[in-house]
Each structure stands twice: as structure tokens, then as C-alpha cells.
Amino acid sequence: VLPMTRGHLSVAFELAAYPADYAQ
């Protein structure tokens, strides 16, 4: 879950993925 200037983005990942790798 990422705060954005306009609202937020929310991205769900399979358990085997590491979401922080895709944050930027």
C-alpha cells in the first residue's frame, strides 16, 4: 500500500513475491 499525492495505490502479490522489490 503506497501513499500517493492523489490517494493511494494498493497492489496485492502472490506469497512468493517480495513487494518491496517493486515499490519504487
mmCIF file of all heavy atoms, coordinates in Angstrom:
data_MODEL
# 
_entry.id   MODEL 
# 
loop_
_atom_site.group_PDB 
_atom_site.id 
_atom_site.type_symbol 
_atom_site.label_atom_id 
_atom_site.label_alt_id 
_atom_site.label_comp_id 
_atom_site.label_asym_id 
_atom_site.label_entity_id 
_atom_site.label_seq_id 
_atom_site.pdbx_PDB_ins_code 
_atom_site.Cartn_x 
_atom_site.Cartn_y 
_atom_site.Cartn_z 
_atom_site.occupancy 
_atom_site.B_iso_or_equiv 
_atom_site.pdbx_formal_charge 
_atom_site.auth_seq_id 
_atom_site.auth_comp_id 
_atom_site.auth_asym_id 
_atom_site.auth_atom_id 
_atom_site.pdbx_PDB_model_num 
ATOM 1   N N   . VAL A 1 1  ? 0.864  -1.174  0.000   1.00 0.00 ? 1  VAL A N   1 
ATOM 2   C CA  . VAL A 1 1  ? 0.000  0.000   0.000   1.00 0.00 ? 1  VAL A CA  1 
ATOM 3   C C   . VAL A 1 1  ? 0.906  1.232   0.000   1.00 0.00 ? 1  VAL A C   1 
ATOM 4   O O   . VAL A 1 1  ? 1.755  1.379   0.883   1.00 0.00 ? 1  VAL A O   1 
ATOM 5   C CB  . VAL A 1 1  ? -0.948 0.015   1.217   1.00 0.00 ? 1  VAL A CB  1 
ATOM 6   C CG1 . VAL A 1 1  ? -1.906 1.199   1.141   1.00 0.00 ? 1  VAL A CG1 1 
ATOM 7   C CG2 . VAL A 1 1  ? -1.724 -1.293  1.328   1.00 0.00 ? 1  VAL A CG2 1 
ATOM 8   N N   . LEU A 1 2  ? 0.714  2.078   -1.010  1.00 0.00 ? 2  LEU A N   1 
ATOM 9   C CA  . LEU A 1 2  ? 1.596  3.223   -1.221  1.00 0.00 ? 2  LEU A CA  1 
ATOM 10  C C   . LEU A 1 2  ? 0.821  4.528   -1.170  1.00 0.00 ? 2  LEU A C   1 
ATOM 11  O O   . LEU A 1 2  ? -0.140 4.701   -1.940  1.00 0.00 ? 2  LEU A O   1 
ATOM 12  C CB  . LEU A 1 2  ? 2.255  3.113   -2.603  1.00 0.00 ? 2  LEU A CB  1 
ATOM 13  C CG  . LEU A 1 2  ? 3.021  1.827   -2.826  1.00 0.00 ? 2  LEU A CG  1 
ATOM 14  C CD1 . LEU A 1 2  ? 2.549  1.143   -4.082  1.00 0.00 ? 2  LEU A CD1 1 
ATOM 15  C CD2 . LEU A 1 2  ? 4.480  2.110   -2.886  1.00 0.00 ? 2  LEU A CD2 1 
ATOM 16  N N   . PRO A 1 3  ? 1.216  5.457   -0.297  1.00 0.00 ? 3  PRO A N   1 
ATOM 17  C CA  . PRO A 1 3  ? 0.584  6.774   -0.325  1.00 0.00 ? 3  PRO A CA  1 
ATOM 18  C C   . PRO A 1 3  ? 1.030  7.520   -1.573  1.00 0.00 ? 3  PRO A C   1 
ATOM 19  O O   . PRO A 1 3  ? 2.208  7.491   -1.939  1.00 0.00 ? 3  PRO A O   1 
ATOM 20  C CB  . PRO A 1 3  ? 1.113  7.451   0.944   1.00 0.00 ? 3  PRO A CB  1 
ATOM 21  C CG  . PRO A 1 3  ? 2.413  6.786   1.219   1.00 0.00 ? 3  PRO A CG  1 
ATOM 22  C CD  . PRO A 1 3  ? 2.291  5.378   0.697   1.00 0.00 ? 3  PRO A CD  1 
ATOM 23  N N   . MET A 1 4  ? 0.099  8.148   -2.250  1.00 0.00 ? 4  MET A N   1 
ATOM 24  C CA  . MET A 1 4  ? 0.400  8.922   -3.441  1.00 0.00 ? 4  MET A CA  1 
ATOM 25  C C   . MET A 1 4  ? -0.092 10.347  -3.209  1.00 0.00 ? 4  MET A C   1 
ATOM 26  O O   . MET A 1 4  ? -0.850 10.601  -2.271  1.00 0.00 ? 4  MET A O   1 
ATOM 27  C CB  . MET A 1 4  ? -0.288 8.304   -4.669  1.00 0.00 ? 4  MET A CB  1 
ATOM 28  C CG  . MET A 1 4  ? 0.082  6.857   -4.960  1.00 0.00 ? 4  MET A CG  1 
ATOM 29  S SD  . MET A 1 4  ? 1.834  6.557   -5.307  1.00 0.00 ? 4  MET A SD  1 
ATOM 30  C CE  . MET A 1 4  ? 2.038  7.406   -6.863  1.00 0.00 ? 4  MET A CE  1 
ATOM 31  N N   . THR A 1 5  ? 0.303  11.277  -4.039  1.00 0.00 ? 5  THR A N   1 
ATOM 32  C CA  . THR A 1 5  ? -0.174 12.652  -3.918  1.00 0.00 ? 5  THR A CA  1 
ATOM 33  C C   . THR A 1 5  ? -1.693 12.685  -4.017  1.00 0.00 ? 5  THR A C   1 
ATOM 34  O O   . THR A 1 5  ? -2.356 13.388  -3.271  1.00 0.00 ? 5  THR A O   1 
ATOM 35  C CB  . THR A 1 5  ? 0.457  13.541  -5.012  1.00 0.00 ? 5  THR A CB  1 
ATOM 36  O OG1 . THR A 1 5  ? 1.879  13.465  -4.876  1.00 0.00 ? 5  THR A OG1 1 
ATOM 37  C CG2 . THR A 1 5  ? 0.019  14.982  -4.871  1.00 0.00 ? 5  THR A CG2 1 
ATOM 38  N N   . ARG A 1 6  ? -2.241 11.883  -4.933  1.00 0.00 ? 6  ARG A N   1 
ATOM 39  C CA  . ARG A 1 6  ? -3.689 11.746  -5.074  1.00 0.00 ? 6  ARG A CA  1 
ATOM 40  C C   . ARG A 1 6  ? -4.099 10.353  -4.607  1.00 0.00 ? 6  ARG A C   1 
ATOM 41  O O   . ARG A 1 6  ? -4.079 9.401   -5.375  1.00 0.00 ? 6  ARG A O   1 
ATOM 42  C CB  . ARG A 1 6  ? -4.112 11.956  -6.528  1.00 0.00 ? 6  ARG A CB  1 
ATOM 43  C CG  . ARG A 1 6  ? -4.036 13.400  -6.983  1.00 0.00 ? 6  ARG A CG  1 
ATOM 44  C CD  . ARG A 1 6  ? -4.611 13.661  -8.366  1.00 0.00 ? 6  ARG A CD  1 
ATOM 45  N NE  . ARG A 1 6  ? -5.699 12.788  -8.731  1.00 0.00 ? 6  ARG A NE  1 
ATOM 46  C CZ  . ARG A 1 6  ? -5.700 12.026  -9.842  1.00 0.00 ? 6  ARG A CZ  1 
ATOM 47  N NH1 . ARG A 1 6  ? -4.671 12.020  -10.660 1.00 0.00 ? 6  ARG A NH1 1 
ATOM 48  N NH2 . ARG A 1 6  ? -6.737 11.279  -10.120 1.00 0.00 ? 6  ARG A NH2 1 
ATOM 49  N N   . GLY A 1 7  ? -4.435 10.208  -3.356  1.00 0.00 ? 7  GLY A N   1 
ATOM 50  C CA  . GLY A 1 7  ? -4.930 8.943   -2.824  1.00 0.00 ? 7  GLY A CA  1 
ATOM 51  C C   . GLY A 1 7  ? -3.831 7.931   -2.560  1.00 0.00 ? 7  GLY A C   1 
ATOM 52  O O   . GLY A 1 7  ? -2.749 8.285   -2.083  1.00 0.00 ? 7  GLY A O   1 
ATOM 53  N N   . HIS A 1 8  ? -4.125 6.673   -2.882  1.00 0.00 ? 8  HIS A N   1 
ATOM 54  C CA  . HIS A 1 8  ? -3.154 5.611   -2.644  1.00 0.00 ? 8  HIS A CA  1 
ATOM 55  C C   . HIS A 1 8  ? -3.249 4.556   -3.745  1.00 0.00 ? 8  HIS A C   1 
ATOM 56  O O   . HIS A 1 8  ? -4.269 4.439   -4.419  1.00 0.00 ? 8  HIS A O   1 
ATOM 57  C CB  . HIS A 1 8  ? -3.368 4.960   -1.272  1.00 0.00 ? 8  HIS A CB  1 
ATOM 58  C CG  . HIS A 1 8  ? -4.610 4.116   -1.187  1.00 0.00 ? 8  HIS A CG  1 
ATOM 59  N ND1 . HIS A 1 8  ? -5.865 4.638   -0.932  1.00 0.00 ? 8  HIS A ND1 1 
ATOM 60  C CD2 . HIS A 1 8  ? -4.793 2.778   -1.349  1.00 0.00 ? 8  HIS A CD2 1 
ATOM 61  C CE1 . HIS A 1 8  ? -6.748 3.668   -0.915  1.00 0.00 ? 8  HIS A CE1 1 
ATOM 62  N NE2 . HIS A 1 8  ? -6.135 2.515   -1.180  1.00 0.00 ? 8  HIS A NE2 1 
ATOM 63  N N   . LEU A 1 9  ? -2.174 3.802   -3.887  1.00 0.00 ? 9  LEU A N   1 
ATOM 64  C CA  . LEU A 1 9  ? -2.160 2.616   -4.737  1.00 0.00 ? 9  LEU A CA  1 
ATOM 65  C C   . LEU A 1 9  ? -2.027 1.410   -3.834  1.00 0.00 ? 9  LEU A C   1 
ATOM 66  O O   . LEU A 1 9  ? -1.309 1.438   -2.839  1.00 0.00 ? 9  LEU A O   1 
ATOM 67  C CB  . LEU A 1 9  ? -0.985 2.647   -5.721  1.00 0.00 ? 9  LEU A CB  1 
ATOM 68  C CG  . LEU A 1 9  ? -1.137 3.554   -6.917  1.00 0.00 ? 9  LEU A CG  1 
ATOM 69  C CD1 . LEU A 1 9  ? 0.180  3.645   -7.680  1.00 0.00 ? 9  LEU A CD1 1 
ATOM 70  C CD2 . LEU A 1 9  ? -2.242 3.043   -7.831  1.00 0.00 ? 9  LEU A CD2 1 
ATOM 71  N N   . SER A 1 10 ? -2.715 0.358   -4.196  1.00 0.00 ? 10 SER A N   1 
ATOM 72  C CA  . SER A 1 10 ? -2.693 -0.885  -3.445  1.00 0.00 ? 10 SER A CA  1 
ATOM 73  C C   . SER A 1 10 ? -2.452 -2.012  -4.443  1.00 0.00 ? 10 SER A C   1 
ATOM 74  O O   . SER A 1 10 ? -3.174 -2.121  -5.439  1.00 0.00 ? 10 SER A O   1 
ATOM 75  C CB  . SER A 1 10 ? -4.045 -1.049  -2.744  1.00 0.00 ? 10 SER A CB  1 
ATOM 76  O OG  . SER A 1 10 ? -4.108 -2.257  -2.049  1.00 0.00 ? 10 SER A OG  1 
ATOM 77  N N   . VAL A 1 11 ? -1.424 -2.826  -4.178  1.00 0.00 ? 11 VAL A N   1 
ATOM 78  C CA  . VAL A 1 11 ? -1.051 -3.882  -5.108  1.00 0.00 ? 11 VAL A CA  1 
ATOM 79  C C   . VAL A 1 11 ? -0.862 -5.180  -4.315  1.00 0.00 ? 11 VAL A C   1 
ATOM 80  O O   . VAL A 1 11 ? -0.038 -5.241  -3.400  1.00 0.00 ? 11 VAL A O   1 
ATOM 81  C CB  . VAL A 1 11 ? 0.249  -3.531  -5.867  1.00 0.00 ? 11 VAL A CB  1 
ATOM 82  C CG1 . VAL A 1 11 ? 0.604  -4.627  -6.862  1.00 0.00 ? 11 VAL A CG1 1 
ATOM 83  C CG2 . VAL A 1 11 ? 0.117  -2.183  -6.571  1.00 0.00 ? 11 VAL A CG2 1 
ATOM 84  N N   . ALA A 1 12 ? -1.643 -6.200  -4.662  1.00 0.00 ? 12 ALA A N   1 
ATOM 85  C CA  . ALA A 1 12 ? -1.545 -7.497  -3.987  1.00 0.00 ? 12 ALA A CA  1 
ATOM 86  C C   . ALA A 1 12 ? -0.639 -8.420  -4.800  1.00 0.00 ? 12 ALA A C   1 
ATOM 87  O O   . ALA A 1 12 ? -0.714 -8.469  -6.024  1.00 0.00 ? 12 ALA A O   1 
ATOM 88  C CB  . ALA A 1 12 ? -2.928 -8.126  -3.834  1.00 0.00 ? 12 ALA A CB  1 
ATOM 89  N N   . PHE A 1 13 ? 0.209  -9.157  -4.084  1.00 0.00 ? 13 PHE A N   1 
ATOM 90  C CA  . PHE A 1 13 ? 1.192  -10.046 -4.688  1.00 0.00 ? 13 PHE A CA  1 
ATOM 91  C C   . PHE A 1 13 ? 1.007  -11.476 -4.196  1.00 0.00 ? 13 PHE A C   1 
ATOM 92  O O   . PHE A 1 13 ? 0.570  -11.701 -3.060  1.00 0.00 ? 13 PHE A O   1 
ATOM 93  C CB  . PHE A 1 13 ? 2.612  -9.618  -4.260  1.00 0.00 ? 13 PHE A CB  1 
ATOM 94  C CG  . PHE A 1 13 ? 3.087  -8.345  -4.875  1.00 0.00 ? 13 PHE A CG  1 
ATOM 95  C CD1 . PHE A 1 13 ? 2.721  -7.116  -4.348  1.00 0.00 ? 13 PHE A CD1 1 
ATOM 96  C CD2 . PHE A 1 13 ? 3.926  -8.356  -5.973  1.00 0.00 ? 13 PHE A CD2 1 
ATOM 97  C CE1 . PHE A 1 13 ? 3.175  -5.934  -4.904  1.00 0.00 ? 13 PHE A CE1 1 
ATOM 98  C CE2 . PHE A 1 13 ? 4.388  -7.181  -6.539  1.00 0.00 ? 13 PHE A CE2 1 
ATOM 99  C CZ  . PHE A 1 13 ? 4.011  -5.972  -5.997  1.00 0.00 ? 13 PHE A CZ  1 
ATOM 100 N N   . GLU A 1 14 ? 1.400  -12.419 -5.032  1.00 0.00 ? 14 GLU A N   1 
ATOM 101 C CA  . GLU A 1 14 ? 1.486  -13.817 -4.609  1.00 0.00 ? 14 GLU A CA  1 
ATOM 102 C C   . GLU A 1 14 ? 2.455  -13.897 -3.428  1.00 0.00 ? 14 GLU A C   1 
ATOM 103 O O   . GLU A 1 14 ? 3.378  -13.079 -3.303  1.00 0.00 ? 14 GLU A O   1 
ATOM 104 C CB  . GLU A 1 14 ? 1.978  -14.706 -5.750  1.00 0.00 ? 14 GLU A CB  1 
ATOM 105 C CG  . GLU A 1 14 ? 1.061  -14.739 -6.960  1.00 0.00 ? 14 GLU A CG  1 
ATOM 106 C CD  . GLU A 1 14 ? -0.265 -15.446 -6.701  1.00 0.00 ? 14 GLU A CD  1 
ATOM 107 O OE1 . GLU A 1 14 ? -0.398 -16.167 -5.685  1.00 0.00 ? 14 GLU A OE1 1 
ATOM 108 O OE2 . GLU A 1 14 ? -1.177 -15.292 -7.528  1.00 0.00 ? 14 GLU A OE2 1 
ATOM 109 N N   . LEU A 1 15 ? 2.274  -14.896 -2.575  1.00 0.00 ? 15 LEU A N   1 
ATOM 110 C CA  . LEU A 1 15 ? 3.092  -15.007 -1.374  1.00 0.00 ? 15 LEU A CA  1 
ATOM 111 C C   . LEU A 1 15 ? 4.585  -15.148 -1.667  1.00 0.00 ? 15 LEU A C   1 
ATOM 112 O O   . LEU A 1 15 ? 5.417  -14.710 -0.874  1.00 0.00 ? 15 LEU A O   1 
ATOM 113 C CB  . LEU A 1 15 ? 2.617  -16.186 -0.519  1.00 0.00 ? 15 LEU A CB  1 
ATOM 114 C CG  . LEU A 1 15 ? 1.273  -15.985 0.172   1.00 0.00 ? 15 LEU A CG  1 
ATOM 115 C CD1 . LEU A 1 15 ? 0.850  -17.260 0.885   1.00 0.00 ? 15 LEU A CD1 1 
ATOM 116 C CD2 . LEU A 1 15 ? 1.340  -14.822 1.146   1.00 0.00 ? 15 LEU A CD2 1 
ATOM 117 N N   . ALA A 1 16 ? 4.948  -15.749 -2.768  1.00 0.00 ? 16 ALA A N   1 
ATOM 118 C CA  . ALA A 1 16 ? 6.364  -15.975 -3.075  1.00 0.00 ? 16 ALA A CA  1 
ATOM 119 C C   . ALA A 1 16 ? 7.092  -14.686 -3.483  1.00 0.00 ? 16 ALA A C   1 
ATOM 120 O O   . ALA A 1 16 ? 8.319  -14.644 -3.469  1.00 0.00 ? 16 ALA A O   1 
ATOM 121 C CB  . ALA A 1 16 ? 6.502  -17.016 -4.183  1.00 0.00 ? 16 ALA A CB  1 
ATOM 122 N N   . ALA A 1 17 ? 6.356  -13.642 -3.831  1.00 0.00 ? 17 ALA A N   1 
ATOM 123 C CA  . ALA A 1 17 ? 6.971  -12.373 -4.254  1.00 0.00 ? 17 ALA A CA  1 
ATOM 124 C C   . ALA A 1 17 ? 7.329  -11.532 -3.038  1.00 0.00 ? 17 ALA A C   1 
ATOM 125 O O   . ALA A 1 17 ? 6.759  -11.697 -1.960  1.00 0.00 ? 17 ALA A O   1 
ATOM 126 C CB  . ALA A 1 17 ? 6.009  -11.617 -5.156  1.00 0.00 ? 17 ALA A CB  1 
ATOM 127 N N   . TYR A 1 18 ? 8.260  -10.620 -3.224  1.00 0.00 ? 18 TYR A N   1 
ATOM 128 C CA  . TYR A 1 18 ? 8.611  -9.660  -2.172  1.00 0.00 ? 18 TYR A CA  1 
ATOM 129 C C   . TYR A 1 18 ? 8.200  -8.267  -2.654  1.00 0.00 ? 18 TYR A C   1 
ATOM 130 O O   . TYR A 1 18 ? 8.883  -7.659  -3.479  1.00 0.00 ? 18 TYR A O   1 
ATOM 131 C CB  . TYR A 1 18 ? 10.104 -9.717  -1.834  1.00 0.00 ? 18 TYR A CB  1 
ATOM 132 C CG  . TYR A 1 18 ? 10.428 -8.903  -0.615  1.00 0.00 ? 18 TYR A CG  1 
ATOM 133 C CD1 . TYR A 1 18 ? 9.896  -9.243  0.634   1.00 0.00 ? 18 TYR A CD1 1 
ATOM 134 C CD2 . TYR A 1 18 ? 11.219 -7.778  -0.701  1.00 0.00 ? 18 TYR A CD2 1 
ATOM 135 C CE1 . TYR A 1 18 ? 10.156 -8.484  1.755   1.00 0.00 ? 18 TYR A CE1 1 
ATOM 136 C CE2 . TYR A 1 18 ? 11.494 -7.013  0.416   1.00 0.00 ? 18 TYR A CE2 1 
ATOM 137 C CZ  . TYR A 1 18 ? 10.957 -7.369  1.634   1.00 0.00 ? 18 TYR A CZ  1 
ATOM 138 O OH  . TYR A 1 18 ? 11.212 -6.607  2.753   1.00 0.00 ? 18 TYR A OH  1 
ATOM 139 N N   . PRO A 1 19 ? 7.066  -7.749  -2.160  1.00 0.00 ? 19 PRO A N   1 
ATOM 140 C CA  . PRO A 1 19 ? 6.506  -6.497  -2.672  1.00 0.00 ? 19 PRO A CA  1 
ATOM 141 C C   . PRO A 1 19 ? 7.456  -5.303  -2.631  1.00 0.00 ? 19 PRO A C   1 
ATOM 142 O O   . PRO A 1 19 ? 7.405  -4.452  -3.521  1.00 0.00 ? 19 PRO A O   1 
ATOM 143 C CB  . PRO A 1 19 ? 5.291  -6.260  -1.777  1.00 0.00 ? 19 PRO A CB  1 
ATOM 144 C CG  . PRO A 1 19 ? 4.899  -7.620  -1.320  1.00 0.00 ? 19 PRO A CG  1 
ATOM 145 C CD  . PRO A 1 19 ? 6.193  -8.373  -1.158  1.00 0.00 ? 19 PRO A CD  1 
ATOM 146 N N   . ALA A 1 20 ? 8.323  -5.223  -1.641  1.00 0.00 ? 20 ALA A N   1 
ATOM 147 C CA  . ALA A 1 20 ? 9.227  -4.072  -1.539  1.00 0.00 ? 20 ALA A CA  1 
ATOM 148 C C   . ALA A 1 20 ? 10.120 -3.957  -2.769  1.00 0.00 ? 20 ALA A C   1 
ATOM 149 O O   . ALA A 1 20 ? 10.538 -2.852  -3.128  1.00 0.00 ? 20 ALA A O   1 
ATOM 150 C CB  . ALA A 1 20 ? 10.064 -4.165  -0.272  1.00 0.00 ? 20 ALA A CB  1 
ATOM 151 N N   . ASP A 1 21 ? 10.396 -5.070  -3.431  1.00 0.00 ? 21 ASP A N   1 
ATOM 152 C CA  . ASP A 1 21 ? 11.222 -5.038  -4.641  1.00 0.00 ? 21 ASP A CA  1 
ATOM 153 C C   . ASP A 1 21 ? 10.556 -4.236  -5.763  1.00 0.00 ? 21 ASP A C   1 
ATOM 154 O O   . ASP A 1 21 ? 11.242 -3.791  -6.680  1.00 0.00 ? 21 ASP A O   1 
ATOM 155 C CB  . ASP A 1 21 ? 11.493 -6.456  -5.157  1.00 0.00 ? 21 ASP A CB  1 
ATOM 156 C CG  . ASP A 1 21 ? 12.430 -7.238  -4.256  1.00 0.00 ? 21 ASP A CG  1 
ATOM 157 O OD1 . ASP A 1 21 ? 13.100 -6.634  -3.391  1.00 0.00 ? 21 ASP A OD1 1 
ATOM 158 O OD2 . ASP A 1 21 ? 12.486 -8.476  -4.412  1.00 0.00 ? 21 ASP A OD2 1 
ATOM 159 N N   . TYR A 1 22 ? 9.256  -4.060  -5.714  1.00 0.00 ? 22 TYR A N   1 
ATOM 160 C CA  . TYR A 1 22 ? 8.507  -3.395  -6.773  1.00 0.00 ? 22 TYR A CA  1 
ATOM 161 C C   . TYR A 1 22 ? 7.994  -2.013  -6.362  1.00 0.00 ? 22 TYR A C   1 
ATOM 162 O O   . TYR A 1 22 ? 7.392  -1.323  -7.176  1.00 0.00 ? 22 TYR A O   1 
ATOM 163 C CB  . TYR A 1 22 ? 7.315  -4.273  -7.190  1.00 0.00 ? 22 TYR A CB  1 
ATOM 164 C CG  . TYR A 1 22 ? 7.759  -5.620  -7.691  1.00 0.00 ? 22 TYR A CG  1 
ATOM 165 C CD1 . TYR A 1 22 ? 7.805  -6.710  -6.838  1.00 0.00 ? 22 TYR A CD1 1 
ATOM 166 C CD2 . TYR A 1 22 ? 8.170  -5.783  -9.008  1.00 0.00 ? 22 TYR A CD2 1 
ATOM 167 C CE1 . TYR A 1 22 ? 8.243  -7.950  -7.287  1.00 0.00 ? 22 TYR A CE1 1 
ATOM 168 C CE2 . TYR A 1 22 ? 8.604  -7.020  -9.467  1.00 0.00 ? 22 TYR A CE2 1 
ATOM 169 C CZ  . TYR A 1 22 ? 8.644  -8.089  -8.598  1.00 0.00 ? 22 TYR A CZ  1 
ATOM 170 O OH  . TYR A 1 22 ? 9.079  -9.311  -9.047  1.00 0.00 ? 22 TYR A OH  1 
ATOM 171 N N   . ALA A 1 23 ? 8.219  -1.623  -5.113  1.00 0.00 ? 23 ALA A N   1 
ATOM 172 C CA  . ALA A 1 23 ? 7.639  -0.383  -4.600  1.00 0.00 ? 23 ALA A CA  1 
ATOM 173 C C   . ALA A 1 23 ? 8.029  0.833   -5.430  1.00 0.00 ? 23 ALA A C   1 
ATOM 174 O O   . ALA A 1 23 ? 7.155  1.611   -5.835  1.00 0.00 ? 23 ALA A O   1 
ATOM 175 C CB  . ALA A 1 23 ? 8.015  -0.182  -3.129  1.00 0.00 ? 23 ALA A CB  1 
ATOM 176 N N   . GLN A 1 24 ? 9.311  1.024   -5.699  1.00 0.00 ? 24 GLN A N   1 
ATOM 177 C CA  . GLN A 1 24 ? 9.724  2.223   -6.419  1.00 0.00 ? 24 GLN A CA  1 
ATOM 178 C C   . GLN A 1 24 ? 9.184  2.234   -7.845  1.00 0.00 ? 24 GLN A C   1 
ATOM 179 O O   . GLN A 1 24 ? 8.752  3.283   -8.340  1.00 0.00 ? 24 GLN A O   1 
ATOM 180 C CB  . GLN A 1 24 ? 11.241 2.386   -6.422  1.00 0.00 ? 24 GLN A CB  1 
ATOM 181 C CG  . GLN A 1 24 ? 11.684 3.737   -6.942  1.00 0.00 ? 24 GLN A CG  1 
ATOM 182 C CD  . GLN A 1 24 ? 11.104 4.897   -6.131  1.00 0.00 ? 24 GLN A CD  1 
ATOM 183 O OE1 . GLN A 1 24 ? 11.250 4.951   -4.910  1.00 0.00 ? 24 GLN A OE1 1 
ATOM 184 N NE2 . GLN A 1 24 ? 10.413 5.823   -6.794  1.00 0.00 ? 24 GLN A NE2 1 
# 
